[in-house]
């Protein structure tokens, strides 16, 4: 269960995690590749020209929106809204997109969310989802500060000894 919001919880912002719009270039190239057989034999291959448009529609539709109210997962044919109180955790399978584990022991796929997008997901969740990268950076900073303090104390003790 996520922690309750309080005055020291950072304000969350809505983040839209979606497929790169550069994918439309691939749709255009797919259209060009399918145009040649469609023009050569229209009766057999003209229907294939719809495929790039279906792929483009999929690119536009599929996304995960993370905001103060929860997570909205939009897949090809379905939209699922998950409130923060219904979220138990997030699982990252070896292949595919992340899956949200719900309190009723079911799972919902989070389109386009991968482990690399976790900092973006954590920032939008307002602290409800932890960022392991931030925790590692904080640990490194504390370790570096401790080493600096130790070096400074050794330097001061060497100066006092002389």
Protein backbone atom coordinates (compact mmCIF):
# COMPACT_ATOMS: atom_id res chain seq x y z
CA UNK A 1 0.00 0.00 0.00
CA UNK A 2 1.46 3.40 -0.94
CA UNK A 3 2.23 5.88 1.79
CA UNK A 4 -0.38 8.55 2.48
CA UNK A 5 0.29 11.98 1.07
CA UNK A 6 1.53 14.64 3.47
CA UNK A 7 3.10 18.08 3.46
CA UNK A 8 6.58 16.64 2.81
CA UNK A 9 5.45 14.44 -0.09
CA UNK A 10 6.55 16.03 -3.37
CA UNK A 11 3.87 17.24 -5.75
CA UNK A 12 3.32 14.71 -8.48
CA UNK A 13 3.03 15.60 -12.12
CA UNK A 14 1.24 13.67 -14.81
CA UNK A 15 3.57 11.75 -17.12
CA UNK A 16 2.56 10.15 -20.41
CA UNK A 17 4.75 7.19 -21.31
CA UNK A 18 4.23 6.32 -24.96
CA UNK A 19 5.90 4.84 -28.00
CA UNK A 20 8.30 7.19 -29.74
CA UNK A 21 6.76 9.19 -32.57
CA UNK A 22 9.77 8.17 -34.64
CA UNK A 23 7.82 4.95 -35.20
CA UNK A 24 5.77 6.78 -37.81
CA UNK A 25 8.86 6.68 -40.00
CA UNK A 26 8.72 2.90 -39.85
CA UNK A 27 5.02 3.06 -40.79
CA UNK A 28 5.90 5.13 -43.85
CA UNK A 29 8.62 2.71 -44.88
CA UNK A 30 6.22 -0.19 -44.39
CA UNK A 31 3.71 1.58 -46.63
CA UNK A 32 6.36 2.01 -49.34
CA UNK A 33 7.38 -1.64 -49.05
CA UNK A 34 3.77 -2.79 -49.40
CA UNK A 35 2.96 -0.36 -52.22
CA UNK A 36 5.08 -2.19 -54.78
CA UNK A 37 3.22 -5.53 -54.60
CA UNK A 38 -0.10 -3.70 -54.26
CA UNK A 39 0.56 -1.74 -57.46
CA UNK A 40 1.87 -4.82 -59.29
CA UNK A 41 -1.13 -7.01 -58.46
CA UNK A 42 -3.90 -4.88 -56.91
CA UNK A 43 -6.47 -7.67 -56.76
CA UNK A 44 -4.29 -9.74 -54.45
CA UNK A 45 -2.31 -7.17 -52.45
CA UNK A 46 -4.27 -3.90 -52.32
CA UNK A 47 -5.66 -4.83 -48.88
CA UNK A 48 -2.13 -4.85 -47.43
CA UNK A 49 -1.94 -1.05 -47.71
CA UNK A 50 -4.17 -0.80 -44.62
CA UNK A 51 -1.48 -2.45 -42.43
CA UNK A 52 0.75 0.66 -42.03
CA UNK A 53 -2.28 2.70 -40.99
CA UNK A 54 -3.27 0.08 -38.40
CA UNK A 55 0.28 0.12 -37.02
CA UNK A 56 0.21 3.95 -36.87
CA UNK A 57 -3.12 3.86 -35.02
CA UNK A 58 -1.59 1.39 -32.55
CA UNK A 59 1.40 3.71 -32.00
CA UNK A 60 -0.95 6.62 -31.27
CA UNK A 61 -3.24 4.63 -28.95
CA UNK A 62 -0.90 2.58 -26.74
CA UNK A 63 0.38 4.45 -23.69
CA UNK A 64 0.54 4.57 -19.90
CA UNK A 65 -0.46 7.76 -18.09
CA UNK A 66 0.76 8.19 -14.51
CA UNK A 67 -0.66 10.97 -12.40
CA UNK A 68 -1.86 11.99 -8.95
CA UNK A 69 -5.04 9.93 -9.27
CA UNK A 70 -3.36 6.69 -10.36
CA UNK A 71 -2.29 4.89 -13.50
CA UNK A 72 -4.21 4.65 -16.78
CA UNK A 73 -3.04 1.84 -19.06
CA UNK A 74 -4.26 2.15 -22.66
CA UNK A 75 -3.66 -0.95 -24.73
CA UNK A 76 -4.87 -1.73 -28.24
CA UNK A 77 -8.50 -2.41 -27.38
CA UNK A 78 -8.86 -1.63 -23.68
CA UNK A 79 -8.27 1.15 -21.17
CA UNK A 80 -7.67 0.23 -17.53
CA UNK A 81 -7.63 2.77 -14.71
CA UNK A 82 -5.77 1.80 -11.53
CA UNK A 83 -6.11 3.91 -8.40
CA UNK A 84 -3.12 4.20 -6.08
CA UNK A 85 -5.00 2.37 -3.34
CA UNK A 86 -5.49 -0.65 -5.65
CA UNK A 87 -1.79 -0.91 -6.59
CA UNK A 88 0.30 -3.42 -4.67
CA UNK A 89 3.49 -3.21 -6.73
CA UNK A 90 5.08 -3.31 -10.16
CA UNK A 91 6.74 -6.33 -11.72
CA UNK A 92 9.19 -6.25 -14.61
CA UNK A 93 9.21 -9.52 -16.57
CA UNK A 94 12.25 -10.51 -18.63
CA UNK A 95 10.42 -9.67 -21.85
CA UNK A 96 7.64 -7.24 -22.50
CA UNK A 97 6.25 -4.34 -20.59
CA UNK A 98 5.87 -3.89 -16.85
CA UNK A 99 2.91 -5.36 -15.04
CA UNK A 100 1.04 -3.71 -12.19
CA UNK A 101 0.21 -6.11 -9.35
CA UNK A 102 -3.11 -5.18 -7.81
CA UNK A 103 -4.39 -5.73 -4.29
CA UNK A 104 -6.91 -8.30 -5.59
CA UNK A 105 -3.93 -10.44 -6.79
CA UNK A 106 -4.55 -9.70 -10.48
CA UNK A 107 -2.10 -8.08 -12.87
CA UNK A 108 -2.49 -5.40 -15.51
CA UNK A 109 0.05 -4.78 -18.29
CA UNK A 110 1.46 -1.26 -18.35
CA UNK A 111 2.11 -0.53 -22.04
CA UNK A 112 5.48 0.98 -22.92
CA UNK A 113 6.72 0.94 -19.30
CA UNK A 114 10.08 -0.77 -18.99
CA UNK A 115 12.65 -0.79 -16.20
CA UNK A 116 14.46 2.09 -17.89
CA UNK A 117 11.32 4.24 -17.53
CA UNK A 118 11.14 3.67 -13.77
CA UNK A 119 12.57 7.11 -12.84
CA UNK A 120 9.87 8.76 -14.95
CA UNK A 121 7.22 6.55 -13.33
CA UNK A 122 8.55 7.32 -9.84
CA UNK A 123 8.59 11.07 -10.46
CA UNK A 124 4.98 11.07 -11.64
CA UNK A 125 3.78 8.89 -8.77
CA UNK A 126 4.69 11.49 -6.17
CA UNK A 127 6.77 9.08 -4.11
CA UNK A 128 4.32 6.18 -4.21
CA UNK A 129 6.69 4.22 -6.45
CA UNK A 130 10.33 4.24 -5.42
CA UNK A 131 13.14 4.89 -7.86
CA UNK A 132 16.03 2.43 -7.38
CA UNK A 133 18.32 4.66 -9.44
CA UNK A 134 17.75 7.56 -7.05
CA UNK A 135 18.38 5.31 -4.04
CA UNK A 136 21.67 4.13 -5.58
CA UNK A 137 22.72 7.71 -6.37
CA UNK A 138 21.91 8.80 -2.82
CA UNK A 139 23.96 5.90 -1.40
CA UNK A 140 26.91 6.87 -3.63
CA UNK A 141 26.65 10.51 -2.50
CA UNK A 142 26.60 9.50 1.17
CA UNK A 143 29.57 7.19 0.65
CA UNK A 144 31.54 9.93 -1.14
CA UNK A 145 30.72 12.41 1.64
CA UNK A 146 31.84 9.92 4.28
CA UNK A 147 35.11 9.33 2.41
CA UNK A 148 35.69 13.09 2.09
CA UNK A 149 35.03 13.58 5.79
CA UNK A 150 37.42 10.73 6.65
CA UNK A 151 40.13 12.15 4.37
CA UNK A 152 39.72 15.61 5.88
CA UNK A 153 39.96 14.25 9.43
CA UNK A 154 43.11 12.28 8.51
CA UNK A 155 44.61 15.40 6.94
CA UNK A 156 43.81 17.46 10.05
CA UNK A 157 45.31 14.81 12.34
CA UNK A 158 48.46 14.70 10.20
CA UNK A 159 48.77 18.49 10.41
CA UNK A 160 48.21 18.43 14.20
CA UNK A 161 50.86 15.70 14.61
CA UNK A 162 53.51 17.86 12.90
